[in-house]
């Protein structure tokens, strides 16, 4: 008989968005960037692969070339940076370092459900504090006394955004580590890097998956004070970021103009698409991310998710929030096709 830890048997694993095996889908369910990465990234990887012994050596354990690029672009000393296999690995490391059995981790909810999974893996207790109706910081969260707090900002799945002033107040009133998950912050009006030097208990997690079109390379950053970095590195795998990802990330950080142009395109599409969905009778949460969350009264939108899937359009349906759908912002063409199909489905359902 195979024996597993009781915590593993009891928990449910995190369920990522569907990755279709067939071609031809319009994929608006996992918040990937609809535009290809910079050609300079592709060239850098191809040039590297053409060199002898390119793949026969271990990569740099700290991804030093990436830390140098991140230091230059973000203005944070490299000793304050950990490079991860996507931001999810860095979140995993943070939970492992700060949480033990029975500890509580607090976060506003609804949010990224991976936090719950990571807490349960540590046999810690996830304390999910409901957001108020305006998705401002819950007072209970600000006042909470726990070993770890985490805030996704902009939030997933809603796309809503907490102001820098509110985050600064949270940091002033909290003595334990506070993690800001800024996976989508490049699509928002501001970020919290300016607070890092003043608050040694602040940890900021970023990714190149969304704004840099590099979801397939899995590159994330943790920004924190050196004493935090030192402890995090104790739990990190020796060679956690493969060499092709390091080459690609370095090239991405050297071609910021390309990424910034695509970010602006996505923000423009987000604006007109949100208005169009409102005209169709949906409530659209005000989004500062590369997706929007929509609802139509208290209607269970599983039927809409299913009908769109039949038409080879994938959006994200969460059983925990059945009255809403999360829709990634794709190209203008893809969003127009989605709107046309939503109109048709609504008309058809009205006659049933």
C-alpha atoms as a PDB file:
ATOM      1  CA  UNK A   1       0.000   0.000   0.000  1.00  0.00           C
ATOM      2  CA  UNK A   2       1.357   3.428  -0.996  1.00  0.00           C
ATOM      3  CA  UNK A   3       1.132   5.963   1.822  1.00  0.00           C
ATOM      4  CA  UNK A   4       0.888   9.659   1.076  1.00  0.00           C
ATOM      5  CA  UNK A   5       0.960  12.557   3.493  1.00  0.00           C
ATOM      6  CA  UNK A   6      -2.532  13.116   4.844  1.00  0.00           C
ATOM      7  CA  UNK A   7      -2.395  16.758   3.765  1.00  0.00           C
ATOM      8  CA  UNK A   8      -1.832  15.668   0.155  1.00  0.00           C
ATOM      9  CA  UNK A   9      -4.677  13.149   0.190  1.00  0.00           C
ATOM     10  CA  UNK A  10      -7.137  15.701   1.558  1.00  0.00           C
ATOM     11  CA  UNK A  11      -6.301  18.633  -0.707  1.00  0.00           C
ATOM     12  CA  UNK A  12      -7.333  19.332  -4.275  1.00  0.00           C
ATOM     13  CA  UNK A  13      -4.606  20.298  -6.702  1.00  0.00           C
ATOM     14  CA  UNK A  14      -4.593  23.602  -8.564  1.00  0.00           C
ATOM     15  CA  UNK A  15      -6.329  23.329 -11.941  1.00  0.00           C
ATOM     16  CA  UNK A  16      -4.668  25.475 -14.637  1.00  0.00           C
ATOM     17  CA  UNK A  17      -6.478  26.784 -17.683  1.00  0.00           C
ATOM     18  CA  UNK A  18      -7.149  24.381 -20.520  1.00  0.00           C
ATOM     19  CA  UNK A  19      -4.444  23.948 -23.146  1.00  0.00           C
ATOM     20  CA  UNK A  20      -6.160  22.528 -26.261  1.00  0.00           C
ATOM     21  CA  UNK A  21      -4.415  19.797 -28.207  1.00  0.00           C
ATOM     22  CA  UNK A  22      -6.233  20.644 -31.440  1.00  0.00           C
ATOM     23  CA  UNK A  23      -5.330  23.612 -33.614  1.00  0.00           C
ATOM     24  CA  UNK A  24      -7.709  26.407 -34.536  1.00  0.00           C
ATOM     25  CA  UNK A  25      -8.852  27.639 -31.129  1.00  0.00           C
ATOM     26  CA  UNK A  26      -9.031  31.302 -30.195  1.00  0.00           C
ATOM     27  CA  UNK A  27      -7.390  31.017 -26.808  1.00  0.00           C
ATOM     28  CA  UNK A  28      -8.617  33.624 -24.328  1.00  0.00           C
ATOM     29  CA  UNK A  29      -8.496  31.594 -21.121  1.00  0.00           C
ATOM     30  CA  UNK A  30      -4.976  31.740 -19.637  1.00  0.00           C
ATOM     31  CA  UNK A  31      -3.956  35.392 -20.003  1.00  0.00           C
ATOM     32  CA  UNK A  32      -1.217  34.780 -22.537  1.00  0.00           C
ATOM     33  CA  UNK A  33      -0.060  37.674 -24.680  1.00  0.00           C
ATOM     34  CA  UNK A  34      -1.684  37.447 -28.150  1.00  0.00           C
ATOM     35  CA  UNK A  35       1.398  38.907 -29.859  1.00  0.00           C
ATOM     36  CA  UNK A  36       4.643  37.016 -30.516  1.00  0.00           C
ATOM     37  CA  UNK A  37       7.762  37.812 -28.512  1.00  0.00           C
ATOM     38  CA  UNK A  38      10.385  40.207 -29.818  1.00  0.00           C
ATOM     39  CA  UNK A  39      12.290  38.865 -32.865  1.00  0.00           C
ATOM     40  CA  UNK A  40      15.456  39.710 -30.942  1.00  0.00           C
ATOM     41  CA  UNK A  41      14.547  37.011 -28.414  1.00  0.00           C
ATOM     42  CA  UNK A  42      14.141  34.386 -31.115  1.00  0.00           C
ATOM     43  CA  UNK A  43      17.448  35.418 -32.718  1.00  0.00           C
ATOM     44  CA  UNK A  44      19.319  35.300 -29.417  1.00  0.00           C
ATOM     45  CA  UNK A  45      18.092  31.768 -28.697  1.00  0.00           C
ATOM     46  CA  UNK A  46      18.853  30.548 -32.237  1.00  0.00           C
ATOM     47  CA  UNK A  47      22.325  32.101 -32.173  1.00  0.00           C
ATOM     48  CA  UNK A  48      23.034  30.412 -28.860  1.00  0.00           C
ATOM     49  CA  UNK A  49      21.851  27.014 -30.129  1.00  0.00           C
ATOM     50  CA  UNK A  50      24.281  27.306 -33.038  1.00  0.00           C
ATOM     51  CA  UNK A  51      27.267  27.366 -30.691  1.00  0.00           C
ATOM     52  CA  UNK A  52      29.156  24.142 -29.833  1.00  0.00           C
ATOM     53  CA  UNK A  53      28.168  22.511 -26.539  1.00  0.00           C
ATOM     54  CA  UNK A  54      25.252  24.954 -26.208  1.00  0.00           C
ATOM     55  CA  UNK A  55      23.062  22.550 -24.256  1.00  0.00           C
ATOM     56  CA  UNK A  56      25.653  20.306 -22.630  1.00  0.00           C
ATOM     57  CA  UNK A  57      26.526  22.624 -19.746  1.00  0.00           C
ATOM     58  CA  UNK A  58      24.488  23.538 -16.691  1.00  0.00           C
ATOM     59  CA  UNK A  59      22.983  27.039 -16.710  1.00  0.00           C
ATOM     60  CA  UNK A  60      24.179  29.691 -14.270  1.00  0.00           C
ATOM     61  CA  UNK A  61      22.576  28.805 -10.902  1.00  0.00           C
ATOM     62  CA  UNK A  62      21.535  32.404 -10.177  1.00  0.00           C
ATOM     63  CA  UNK A  63      20.696  33.336 -13.809  1.00  0.00           C
ATOM     64  CA  UNK A  64      23.284  36.089 -13.522  1.00  0.00           C
ATOM     65  CA  UNK A  65      22.840  37.473 -17.044  1.00  0.00           C
ATOM     66  CA  UNK A  66      19.126  37.907 -16.305  1.00  0.00           C
ATOM     67  CA  UNK A  67      19.775  39.553 -12.948  1.00  0.00           C
ATOM     68  CA  UNK A  68      22.113  42.025 -14.655  1.00  0.00           C
ATOM     69  CA  UNK A  69      19.404  42.873 -17.197  1.00  0.00           C
ATOM     70  CA  UNK A  70      16.739  43.172 -14.501  1.00  0.00           C
ATOM     71  CA  UNK A  71      19.004  45.420 -12.412  1.00  0.00           C
ATOM     72  CA  UNK A  72      19.455  47.719 -15.409  1.00  0.00           C
ATOM     73  CA  UNK A  73      15.775  47.880 -16.366  1.00  0.00           C
ATOM     74  CA  UNK A  74      14.046  47.873 -12.969  1.00  0.00           C
ATOM     75  CA  UNK A  75      16.700  49.832 -11.082  1.00  0.00           C
ATOM     76  CA  UNK A  76      16.947  47.209  -8.320  1.00  0.00           C
ATOM     77  CA  UNK A  77      20.400  45.906  -7.277  1.00  0.00           C
ATOM     78  CA  UNK A  78      20.971  42.355  -8.489  1.00  0.00           C
ATOM     79  CA  UNK A  79      21.600  41.182  -4.914  1.00  0.00           C
ATOM     80  CA  UNK A  80      17.924  42.005  -4.315  1.00  0.00           C
ATOM     81  CA  UNK A  81      16.704  39.774  -7.179  1.00  0.00           C
ATOM     82  CA  UNK A  82      15.911  36.059  -7.429  1.00  0.00           C
ATOM     83  CA  UNK A  83      15.141  34.650 -10.884  1.00  0.00           C
ATOM     84  CA  UNK A  84      12.608  31.837 -10.933  1.00  0.00           C
ATOM     85  CA  UNK A  85      11.078  29.228 -13.204  1.00  0.00           C
ATOM     86  CA  UNK A  86       8.047  31.462 -13.631  1.00  0.00           C
ATOM     87  CA  UNK A  87       6.583  33.487 -10.780  1.00  0.00           C
ATOM     88  CA  UNK A  88       4.755  30.359  -9.559  1.00  0.00           C
ATOM     89  CA  UNK A  89       8.057  28.780  -8.505  1.00  0.00           C
ATOM     90  CA  UNK A  90       8.922  31.918  -6.556  1.00  0.00           C
ATOM     91  CA  UNK A  91       5.545  31.892  -4.802  1.00  0.00           C
ATOM     92  CA  UNK A  92       6.168  28.248  -3.925  1.00  0.00           C
ATOM     93  CA  UNK A  93       9.576  29.127  -2.462  1.00  0.00           C
ATOM     94  CA  UNK A  94       8.091  31.971  -0.405  1.00  0.00           C
ATOM     95  CA  UNK A  95       5.407  29.720   1.088  1.00  0.00           C
ATOM     96  CA  UNK A  96       7.990  27.035   1.866  1.00  0.00           C
ATOM     97  CA  UNK A  97      10.328  29.489   3.581  1.00  0.00           C
ATOM     98  CA  UNK A  98       7.765  31.368   5.681  1.00  0.00           C
ATOM     99  CA  UNK A  99       5.024  28.852   6.492  1.00  0.00           C
ATOM    100  CA  UNK A 100       4.990  25.722   8.634  1.00  0.00           C
ATOM    101  CA  UNK A 101       2.290  23.382   9.830  1.00  0.00           C
ATOM    102  CA  UNK A 102      -0.614  25.276  11.366  1.00  0.00           C
ATOM    103  CA  UNK A 103       0.577  28.733  10.297  1.00  0.00           C
ATOM    104  CA  UNK A 104      -1.932  31.092   8.694  1.00  0.00           C
ATOM    105  CA  UNK A 105      -1.478  32.969   5.441  1.00  0.00           C
ATOM    106  CA  UNK A 106      -3.960  35.767   4.776  1.00  0.00           C
ATOM    107  CA  UNK A 107      -5.087  37.122   1.417  1.00  0.00           C
ATOM    108  CA  UNK A 108      -8.134  38.920   0.040  1.00  0.00           C
ATOM    109  CA  UNK A 109     -10.523  36.677  -1.881  1.00  0.00           C
ATOM    110  CA  UNK A 110     -11.513  35.889  -4.643  1.00  0.00           C
ATOM    111  CA  UNK A 111      -7.982  35.746  -6.025  1.00  0.00           C
ATOM    112  CA  UNK A 112      -5.403  33.395  -7.536  1.00  0.00           C
ATOM    113  CA  UNK A 113      -6.392  29.993  -6.147  1.00  0.00           C
ATOM    114  CA  UNK A 114      -2.821  28.673  -6.329  1.00  0.00           C
ATOM    115  CA  UNK A 115      -2.254  30.454  -2.997  1.00  0.00           C
ATOM    116  CA  UNK A 116      -4.641  28.003  -1.335  1.00  0.00           C
ATOM    117  CA  UNK A 117      -2.835  25.038  -2.884  1.00  0.00           C
ATOM    118  CA  UNK A 118       0.595  26.284  -1.803  1.00  0.00           C
ATOM    119  CA  UNK A 119      -0.638  26.848   1.761  1.00  0.00           C
ATOM    120  CA  UNK A 120      -2.160  23.376   2.030  1.00  0.00           C
ATOM    121  CA  UNK A 121       1.054  21.800   0.735  1.00  0.00           C
ATOM    122  CA  UNK A 122       2.775  23.337   3.771  1.00  0.00           C
ATOM    123  CA  UNK A 123      -0.072  22.157   6.031  1.00  0.00           C
ATOM    124  CA  UNK A 124      -0.686  25.832   6.676  1.00  0.00           C
ATOM    125  CA  UNK A 125      -4.100  27.448   6.942  1.00  0.00           C
ATOM    126  CA  UNK A 126      -5.295  29.712   4.115  1.00  0.00           C
ATOM    127  CA  UNK A 127      -7.280  32.627   5.557  1.00  0.00           C
ATOM    128  CA  UNK A 128      -9.384  33.899   2.666  1.00  0.00           C
ATOM    129  CA  UNK A 129     -10.750  37.324   3.598  1.00  0.00           C
ATOM    130  CA  UNK A 130     -13.566  38.538   1.306  1.00  0.00           C
ATOM    131  CA  UNK A 131     -12.967  41.673  -0.732  1.00  0.00           C
ATOM    132  CA  UNK A 132     -15.586  44.393  -0.176  1.00  0.00           C
ATOM    133  CA  UNK A 133     -17.837  45.270  -3.103  1.00  0.00           C
ATOM    134  CA  UNK A 134     -15.428  47.897  -4.442  1.00  0.00           C
ATOM    135  CA  UNK A 135     -12.434  45.485  -4.229  1.00  0.00           C
ATOM    136  CA  UNK A 136     -10.491  47.802  -1.951  1.00  0.00           C
ATOM    137  CA  UNK A 137      -8.271  46.248   0.723  1.00  0.00           C
ATOM    138  CA  UNK A 138     -10.392  44.544   3.408  1.00  0.00           C
ATOM    139  CA  UNK A 139      -9.803  46.099   6.820  1.00  0.00           C
ATOM    140  CA  UNK A 140      -9.627  42.635   8.342  1.00  0.00           C
ATOM    141  CA  UNK A 141      -6.735  41.845   6.000  1.00  0.00           C
ATOM    142  CA  UNK A 142      -4.863  45.032   6.921  1.00  0.00           C
ATOM    143  CA  UNK A 143      -5.254  44.320  10.648  1.00  0.00           C
ATOM    144  CA  UNK A 144      -4.562  40.575  10.449  1.00  0.00           C
ATOM    145  CA  UNK A 145      -1.668  39.257  12.540  1.00  0.00           C
ATOM    146  CA  UNK A 146      -0.289  36.297  10.622  1.00  0.00           C
ATOM    147  CA  UNK A 147       3.169  35.001   9.550  1.00  0.00           C
ATOM    148  CA  UNK A 148       2.508  35.891   5.895  1.00  0.00           C
ATOM    149  CA  UNK A 149       0.211  38.099   3.828  1.00  0.00           C
ATOM    150  CA  UNK A 150      -0.160  38.040   0.068  1.00  0.00           C
ATOM    151  CA  UNK A 151      -1.935  40.382  -2.318  1.00  0.00           C
ATOM    152  CA  UNK A 152      -2.379  39.873  -6.041  1.00  0.00           C
ATOM    153  CA  UNK A 153      -2.330  43.348  -7.592  1.00  0.00           C
ATOM    154  CA  UNK A 154      -3.835  43.724 -10.164  1.00  0.00           C
ATOM    155  CA  UNK A 155      -5.996  40.935  -8.890  1.00  0.00           C
ATOM    156  CA  UNK A 156      -6.799  37.746 -10.735  1.00  0.00           C
ATOM    157  CA  UNK A 157      -9.498  36.880 -11.717  1.00  0.00           C
ATOM    158  CA  UNK A 158     -11.135  40.309 -11.403  1.00  0.00           C
ATOM    159  CA  UNK A 159      -8.401  42.589 -12.819  1.00  0.00           C
ATOM    160  CA  UNK A 160      -9.151  45.130 -10.090  1.00  0.00           C
ATOM    161  CA  UNK A 161      -6.347  47.251  -8.665  1.00  0.00           C
ATOM    162  CA  UNK A 162      -5.418  48.482  -5.183  1.00  0.00           C
ATOM    163  CA  UNK A 163      -3.763  51.897  -5.030  1.00  0.00           C
ATOM    164  CA  UNK A 164      -0.164  52.457  -4.013  1.00  0.00           C
ATOM    165  CA  UNK A 165      -1.373  54.515  -1.041  1.00  0.00           C
ATOM    166  CA  UNK A 166      -3.429  51.577   0.251  1.00  0.00           C
ATOM    167  CA  UNK A 167      -0.465  49.226  -0.142  1.00  0.00           C
ATOM    168  CA  UNK A 168       1.793  51.622   1.754  1.00  0.00           C
ATOM    169  CA  UNK A 169      -0.727  51.699   4.601  1.00  0.00           C
ATOM    170  CA  UNK A 170      -0.827  47.882   4.603  1.00  0.00           C
ATOM    171  CA  UNK A 171       2.959  47.791   4.903  1.00  0.00           C
ATOM    172  CA  UNK A 172       3.011  50.350   7.705  1.00  0.00           C
ATOM    173  CA  UNK A 173       0.448  48.388   9.728  1.00  0.00           C
ATOM    174  CA  UNK A 174       1.994  44.946   9.125  1.00  0.00           C
ATOM    175  CA  UNK A 175       5.203  43.609  10.654  1.00  0.00           C
ATOM    176  CA  UNK A 176       5.203  40.181   8.984  1.00  0.00           C
ATOM    177  CA  UNK A 177       6.276  39.571   5.358  1.00  0.00           C
ATOM    178  CA  UNK A 178       3.918  40.997   2.732  1.00  0.00           C
ATOM    179  CA  UNK A 179       4.046  39.520  -0.765  1.00  0.00           C
ATOM    180  CA  UNK A 180       2.799  41.585  -3.699  1.00  0.00           C
ATOM    181  CA  UNK A 181       2.073  39.385  -6.691  1.00  0.00           C
ATOM    182  CA  UNK A 182       2.488  41.854  -9.562  1.00  0.00           C
ATOM    183  CA  UNK A 183       2.144  39.387 -12.435  1.00  0.00           C
ATOM    184  CA  UNK A 184      -0.119  41.815 -14.321  1.00  0.00           C
ATOM    185  CA  UNK A 185       1.269  45.124 -13.118  1.00  0.00           C
ATOM    186  CA  UNK A 186       2.682  46.176 -16.508  1.00  0.00           C
ATOM    187  CA  UNK A 187      -0.932  46.762 -17.594  1.00  0.00           C
ATOM    188  CA  UNK A 188      -1.692  48.899 -14.510  1.00  0.00           C
ATOM    189  CA  UNK A 189      -1.090  52.615 -13.778  1.00  0.00           C
ATOM    190  CA  UNK A 190       1.709  52.052 -11.233  1.00  0.00           C
ATOM    191  CA  UNK A 191       3.698  49.433  -9.314  1.00  0.00           C
ATOM    192  CA  UNK A 192       5.183  49.047  -5.843  1.00  0.00           C
ATOM    193  CA  UNK A 193       8.910  48.872  -6.628  1.00  0.00           C
ATOM    194  CA  UNK A 194       9.329  52.391  -5.236  1.00  0.00           C
ATOM    195  CA  UNK A 195       8.293  51.071  -1.802  1.00  0.00           C
ATOM    196  CA  UNK A 196      10.839  48.263  -1.700  1.00  0.00           C
ATOM    197  CA  UNK A 197      13.775  50.185  -0.196  1.00  0.00           C
ATOM    198  CA  UNK A 198      11.635  51.580   2.654  1.00  0.00           C
ATOM    199  CA  UNK A 199       9.968  48.337   3.741  1.00  0.00           C
ATOM    200  CA  UNK A 200      12.306  45.367   4.423  1.00  0.00           C
ATOM    201  CA  UNK A 201       9.311  43.028   4.873  1.00  0.00           C
ATOM    202  CA  UNK A 202       8.023  43.669   1.325  1.00  0.00           C
ATOM    203  CA  UNK A 203       8.497  40.971  -1.327  1.00  0.00           C
ATOM    204  CA  UNK A 204       7.443  41.669  -4.938  1.00  0.00           C
ATOM    205  CA  UNK A 205       6.908  38.912  -7.492  1.00  0.00           C
ATOM    206  CA  UNK A 206       6.856  39.578 -11.251  1.00  0.00           C
ATOM    207  CA  UNK A 207       6.758  37.526 -14.464  1.00  0.00           C
ATOM    208  CA  UNK A 208       7.785  37.902 -18.092  1.00  0.00           C
ATOM    209  CA  UNK A 209       4.922  35.624 -19.176  1.00  0.00           C
ATOM    210  CA  UNK A 210       2.270  38.276 -19.764  1.00  0.00           C
ATOM    211  CA  UNK A 211       3.679  41.553 -21.028  1.00  0.00           C
ATOM    212  CA  UNK A 212       6.774  40.047 -22.679  1.00  0.00           C
ATOM    213  CA  UNK A 213       4.972  37.155 -24.463  1.00  0.00           C
ATOM    214  CA  UNK A 214       7.234  34.607 -22.770  1.00  0.00           C
ATOM    215  CA  UNK A 215       4.797  32.278 -20.989  1.00  0.00           C
ATOM    216  CA  UNK A 216       6.519  29.320 -22.648  1.00  0.00           C
ATOM    217  CA  UNK A 217       9.963  30.204 -21.264  1.00  0.00           C
ATOM    218  CA  UNK A 218       8.803  30.464 -17.610  1.00  0.00           C
ATOM    219  CA  UNK A 219      10.722  33.428 -16.203  1.00  0.00           C
ATOM    220  CA  UNK A 220       9.825  35.196 -12.979  1.00  0.00           C
ATOM    221  CA  UNK A 221      11.468  37.707 -10.634  1.00  0.00           C
ATOM    222  CA  UNK A 222      11.403  38.118  -6.883  1.00  0.00           C
ATOM    223  CA  UNK A 223      12.484  41.541  -5.611  1.00  0.00           C
ATOM    224  CA  UNK A 224      13.326  41.661  -1.906  1.00  0.00           C
ATOM    225  CA  UNK A 225      15.930  42.863   0.566  1.00  0.00           C
ATOM    226  CA  UNK A 226      19.224  40.903   0.480  1.00  0.00           C
ATOM    227  CA  UNK A 227      18.591  39.177   3.817  1.00  0.00           C
ATOM    228  CA  UNK A 228      15.307  37.805   2.413  1.00  0.00           C
ATOM    229  CA  UNK A 229      16.989  36.778  -0.842  1.00  0.00           C
ATOM    230  CA  UNK A 230      19.655  34.908   1.108  1.00  0.00           C
ATOM    231  CA  UNK A 231      17.073  32.725   2.875  1.00  0.00           C
ATOM    232  CA  UNK A 232      14.974  32.173  -0.255  1.00  0.00           C
ATOM    233  CA  UNK A 233      18.053  30.930  -2.129  1.00  0.00           C
ATOM    234  CA  UNK A 234      18.514  28.172   0.468  1.00  0.00           C
ATOM    235  CA  UNK A 235      15.276  26.562  -0.759  1.00  0.00           C
ATOM    236  CA  UNK A 236      15.836  27.157  -4.494  1.00  0.00           C
ATOM    237  CA  UNK A 237      16.815  24.298  -6.789  1.00  0.00           C
ATOM    238  CA  UNK A 238      20.440  24.638  -7.925  1.00  0.00           C
ATOM    239  CA  UNK A 239      19.664  25.074 -11.633  1.00  0.00           C
ATOM    240  CA  UNK A 240      16.041  26.164 -11.578  1.00  0.00           C
ATOM    241  CA  UNK A 241      16.014  28.245 -14.789  1.00  0.00           C
ATOM    242  CA  UNK A 242      17.127  26.549 -17.992  1.00  0.00           C
ATOM    243  CA  UNK A 243      19.725  28.159 -20.238  1.00  0.00           C
ATOM    244  CA  UNK A 244      17.338  28.944 -23.129  1.00  0.00           C
ATOM    245  CA  UNK A 245      15.023  30.774 -20.747  1.00  0.00           C
ATOM    246  CA  UNK A 246      17.975  32.775 -19.435  1.00  0.00           C
ATOM    247  CA  UNK A 247      19.059  33.712 -22.969  1.00  0.00           C
ATOM    248  CA  UNK A 248      15.499  34.703 -23.893  1.00  0.00           C
ATOM    249  CA  UNK A 249      14.906  36.733 -20.739  1.00  0.00           C
ATOM    250  CA  UNK A 250      18.150  38.651 -21.208  1.00  0.00           C
ATOM    251  CA  UNK A 251      17.150  39.543 -24.786  1.00  0.00           C
ATOM    252  CA  UNK A 252      13.645  40.533 -23.668  1.00  0.00           C
ATOM    253  CA  UNK A 253      14.975  42.999 -21.117  1.00  0.00           C
ATOM    254  CA  UNK A 254      17.170  44.524 -23.820  1.00  0.00           C
ATOM    255  CA  UNK A 255      14.177  45.192 -26.090  1.00  0.00           C
ATOM    256  CA  UNK A 256      11.728  46.933 -23.811  1.00  0.00           C
ATOM    257  CA  UNK A 257      10.286  49.102 -26.589  1.00  0.00           C
ATOM    258  CA  UNK A 258       8.813  46.035 -28.262  1.00  0.00           C
ATOM    259  CA  UNK A 259       7.069  44.874 -25.082  1.00  0.00           C
ATOM    260  CA  UNK A 260       5.812  48.359 -24.253  1.00  0.00           C
ATOM    261  CA  UNK A 261       4.202  48.714 -27.691  1.00  0.00           C
ATOM    262  CA  UNK A 262       2.300  45.463 -27.207  1.00  0.00           C
ATOM    263  CA  UNK A 263       1.240  46.484 -23.700  1.00  0.00           C
ATOM    264  CA  UNK A 264      -0.324  49.667 -25.115  1.00  0.00           C
ATOM    265  CA  UNK A 265      -2.097  47.684 -27.843  1.00  0.00           C
ATOM    266  CA  UNK A 266      -3.599  45.350 -25.253  1.00  0.00           C
ATOM    267  CA  UNK A 267      -4.730  48.249 -23.055  1.00  0.00           C
ATOM    268  CA  UNK A 268      -6.452  49.914 -26.019  1.00  0.00           C
ATOM    269  CA  UNK A 269      -8.216  46.674 -26.929  1.00  0.00           C
ATOM    270  CA  UNK A 270      -9.223  46.154 -23.288  1.00  0.00           C
ATOM    271  CA  UNK A 271     -10.921  49.559 -23.271  1.00  0.00           C
ATOM    272  CA  UNK A 272     -13.109  49.161 -26.352  1.00  0.00           C
ATOM    273  CA  UNK A 273     -13.871  45.504 -25.645  1.00  0.00           C
ATOM    274  CA  UNK A 274     -15.039  46.342 -22.091  1.00  0.00           C
ATOM    275  CA  UNK A 275     -17.419  48.979 -23.473  1.00  0.00           C
ATOM    276  CA  UNK A 276     -18.723  46.547 -26.086  1.00  0.00           C
ATOM    277  CA  UNK A 277     -19.469  43.891 -23.445  1.00  0.00           C
ATOM    278  CA  UNK A 278     -21.288  46.482 -21.340  1.00  0.00           C
ATOM    279  CA  UNK A 279     -23.436  47.298 -24.362  1.00  0.00           C
ATOM    280  CA  UNK A 280     -24.372  43.598 -24.494  1.00  0.00           C
ATOM    281  CA  UNK A 281     -25.689  43.804 -20.928  1.00  0.00           C
ATOM    282  CA  UNK A 282     -22.657  42.505 -19.031  1.00  0.00           C
ATOM    283  CA  UNK A 283     -21.126  44.034 -15.945  1.00  0.00           C
ATOM    284  CA  UNK A 284     -17.384  44.381 -16.536  1.00  0.00           C
ATOM    285  CA  UNK A 285     -15.096  44.694 -13.543  1.00  0.00           C
ATOM    286  CA  UNK A 286     -12.725  47.661 -13.983  1.00  0.00           C
ATOM    287  CA  UNK A 287      -9.548  45.932 -15.113  1.00  0.00           C
ATOM    288  CA  UNK A 288      -5.897  46.955 -14.892  1.00  0.00           C
ATOM    289  CA  UNK A 289      -4.699  43.610 -16.277  1.00  0.00           C
ATOM    290  CA  UNK A 290      -4.595  41.897 -19.670  1.00  0.00           C
ATOM    291  CA  UNK A 291      -8.004  40.341 -19.103  1.00  0.00           C
ATOM    292  CA  UNK A 292     -11.480  41.313 -17.989  1.00  0.00           C
ATOM    293  CA  UNK A 293     -13.983  39.555 -15.754  1.00  0.00           C
ATOM    294  CA  UNK A 294     -17.620  39.850 -16.824  1.00  0.00           C
ATOM    295  CA  UNK A 295     -20.972  38.831 -15.369  1.00  0.00           C
ATOM    296  CA  UNK A 296     -24.637  39.123 -16.361  1.00  0.00           C
ATOM    297  CA  UNK A 297     -26.743  39.528 -13.271  1.00  0.00           C
ATOM    298  CA  UNK A 298     -26.656  36.357 -11.173  1.00  0.00           C
ATOM    299  CA  UNK A 299     -26.774  34.106 -14.232  1.00  0.00           C
ATOM    300  CA  UNK A 300     -24.617  30.968 -14.239  1.00  0.00           C
ATOM    301  CA  UNK A 301     -22.436  31.523 -17.297  1.00  0.00           C
ATOM    302  CA  UNK A 302     -21.362  27.918 -17.758  1.00  0.00           C
ATOM    303  CA  UNK A 303     -23.676  27.689 -20.776  1.00  0.00           C
ATOM    304  CA  UNK A 304     -21.872  30.617 -22.411  1.00  0.00           C
ATOM    305  CA  UNK A 305     -18.466  29.083 -21.686  1.00  0.00           C
ATOM    306  CA  UNK A 306     -19.628  25.788 -23.203  1.00  0.00           C
ATOM    307  CA  UNK A 307     -21.186  27.382 -26.290  1.00  0.00           C
ATOM    308  CA  UNK A 308     -18.046  29.405 -26.954  1.00  0.00           C
ATOM    309  CA  UNK A 309     -15.920  26.281 -26.560  1.00  0.00           C
ATOM    310  CA  UNK A 310     -18.071  24.501 -29.169  1.00  0.00           C
ATOM    311  CA  UNK A 311     -17.213  27.381 -31.472  1.00  0.00           C
ATOM    312  CA  UNK A 312     -13.506  26.967 -30.680  1.00  0.00           C
ATOM    313  CA  UNK A 313     -13.218  29.996 -28.409  1.00  0.00           C
ATOM    314  CA  UNK A 314     -11.792  29.340 -24.948  1.00  0.00           C
ATOM    315  CA  UNK A 315     -12.523  31.615 -21.993  1.00  0.00           C
ATOM    316  CA  UNK A 316     -12.101  30.821 -18.277  1.00  0.00           C
ATOM    317  CA  UNK A 317     -15.005  29.565 -16.185  1.00  0.00           C
ATOM    318  CA  UNK A 318     -14.451  29.119 -12.442  1.00  0.00           C
ATOM    319  CA  UNK A 319     -16.894  26.785 -10.621  1.00  0.00           C
ATOM    320  CA  UNK A 320     -16.320  28.861  -7.476  1.00  0.00           C
ATOM    321  CA  UNK A 321     -17.650  31.965  -9.248  1.00  0.00           C
ATOM    322  CA  UNK A 322     -20.269  30.557 -11.657  1.00  0.00           C
ATOM    323  CA  UNK A 323     -21.856  33.912 -12.487  1.00  0.00           C
ATOM    324  CA  UNK A 324     -18.680  35.243 -14.133  1.00  0.00           C
ATOM    325  CA  UNK A 325     -16.229  34.549 -16.935  1.00  0.00           C
ATOM    326  CA  UNK A 326     -12.645  35.739 -17.218  1.00  0.00           C
ATOM    327  CA  UNK A 327     -11.672  36.722 -20.745  1.00  0.00           C
ATOM    328  CA  UNK A 328      -8.083  37.305 -21.829  1.00  0.00           C
ATOM    329  CA  UNK A 329      -7.549  40.300 -24.097  1.00  0.00           C
ATOM    330  CA  UNK A 330      -6.470  38.965 -27.471  1.00  0.00           C
ATOM    331  CA  UNK A 331      -5.956  40.709 -30.792  1.00  0.00           C
ATOM    332  CA  UNK A 332      -8.643  43.077 -32.063  1.00  0.00           C
ATOM    333  CA  UNK A 333      -9.649  40.427 -34.589  1.00  0.00           C
ATOM    334  CA  UNK A 334     -10.083  37.767 -31.920  1.00  0.00           C
ATOM    335  CA  UNK A 335     -12.102  40.053 -29.670  1.00  0.00           C
ATOM    336  CA  UNK A 336     -14.439  41.022 -32.535  1.00  0.00           C
ATOM    337  CA  UNK A 337     -15.016  37.324 -33.306  1.00  0.00           C
ATOM    338  CA  UNK A 338     -15.764  36.673 -29.622  1.00  0.00           C
ATOM    339  CA  UNK A 339     -18.256  39.554 -29.496  1.00  0.00           C
ATOM    340  CA  UNK A 340     -20.035  38.304 -32.585  1.00  0.00           C
ATOM    341  CA  UNK A 341     -20.360  34.821 -31.123  1.00  0.00           C
ATOM    342  CA  UNK A 342     -21.553  36.119 -27.739  1.00  0.00           C
ATOM    343  CA  UNK A 343     -24.266  38.152 -29.495  1.00  0.00           C
ATOM    344  CA  UNK A 344     -25.413  35.067 -31.396  1.00  0.00           C
ATOM    345  CA  UNK A 345     -25.449  32.859 -28.281  1.00  0.00           C
ATOM    346  CA  UNK A 346     -27.442  35.440 -26.306  1.00  0.00           C
ATOM    347  CA  UNK A 347     -30.005  35.681 -29.135  1.00  0.00           C
ATOM    348  CA  UNK A 348     -30.289  31.899 -29.400  1.00  0.00           C
ATOM    349  CA  UNK A 349     -30.676  31.454 -25.642  1.00  0.00           C
ATOM    350  CA  UNK A 350     -33.432  34.080 -25.553  1.00  0.00           C
ATOM    351  CA  UNK A 351     -35.525  31.907 -27.883  1.00  0.00           C
ATOM    352  CA  UNK A 352     -35.051  28.671 -25.931  1.00  0.00           C
END
